[in-house]
Amino acid sequence: MEQRTKDAVTIIGAGLGGLTLARVLHVHGIPAEVYEAEASLEARSQGGMLDIHHYNGQLALEAAGLMEEFRAIVVEGRQAIRGLAPDGAVLFEKADDGTGGRPEAQRADLRRMLLDALPEGTVRWGRKVTGARSLGGGRHEVIFADGGSVTTSLLVGADGAWSRVRPLLSEAVPEYAGTSFVETYLFDADTRHPAAAKAVGGGMMLVPAEGETITAHRERGDTLHAYVELTRPLAWFDDIDFADPAAAVTRVVAEFDGWAPELTALITDTDTPPVLRPHHALPHPHRWDRTPGVTLVGDAAHLLAPNGEGANQAMSDGAELGKALAAHLDDVEAGLAAYEQAMFTRMSQAEEETAKHLEETFGDLIRATATPGSL
């Protein structure tokens, strides 16, 4: 049996929440070991642009001592937003004047920044967790797909929607939220896809309609990343063969009949196979009784349908847990209890807070692009 380093915090999942936790612990001199199923940072695409908010994500980075490093990876100009009607008419536009409070960075750059700020060997790659069980007395055993295991007296599930740690605390299981993204990329957009590039503009573009929405971001390197959101049952998507990219594109774009060609080009001209990403959510609010020696952060704790806050909330959880443990070095359970109660309160107010901040940033856009029955 593999044994963890003495007194180290065992973190399952090397996403933004788990890595932020590991970094804040490191700042306070507390060792951590992070176990990640992926083989390496480059094992898969890391997703698109993230706006890191001044009221949660940036506070987490301040706690991690990484604001200077964060500013170095911000992609300038990407806070620009515009709203279009399905016929392509521009209804709203706001330039990035640097005062938006939500600078954009690539998820992969954020993850690499956090990894680079940890001691070498902190992350154990290729360690897929298949389950975890209580050993009593606040100790737990984590079982890996390769047959190995690790025992720990402080376990943190930062392993996302389908967390293998969550069952130690809760019987809750994510359920389909009623919407899904179909994700596409257009590369060298200004040269190869000029009409779509002009429609998207320099930052984010939103085209909402009843049951269908297209959101697109201009990423680093002249790349357009589109999220085609459809309000459909899972069975509807089951009838689409995403293993046949051309057939999938044809089926999805048919839902946008009558839309401007520069908008539907974000579907039809994709340079990558379209990827289906169904949205799931845990019951809200999701709480559990204090269980010795284990807790959760991020989507493992409070998975919601995409609302622009998930990555920021995960980073905030990681930072707040790290600070709570550092403040209770002689009483870990008190630290876990303090973190959980604050997190439960924060998440119980999440919908209201998210609505407030969305109104502050996107209210004019949403009103300008709204049609009867839309957003």
Foldseek 3Di string as FASTA:
>chain_A
DDEDDPQAAEEEALALLRLLLQLLLVVLVHHYAYEYQAQDLVRDDQDFKAFAAQVFRVVSCVSSVCPVVVVVQFDPWQLWEWEAELQLHTQDTDTCPPPLRGTMGTSSSSSVSSVVSHPPNRYDYNFAWDAKDDPDPQKIWTATPVGDIYIDSAYEYAPAQQTRQLVVWDPWHWDFPQKKWWKFKDAPCCPPPVLLDVSQDAHWYWAWDAQWIKIWGQGPHRMIMITIMGRDDPVVVVVADLVPQQRNLVVVLVVSPPGHPSRSCRRVVGPDRIDMGTAIWTPPPADGDQDGRYYYAFNSRTGDGDLSCRSSRSSSLSSQLSVLCSVCVPCNSRSVVVSRVVSSVCRNCVVVVSVVSCCVSCVVNCVSNDDVNID
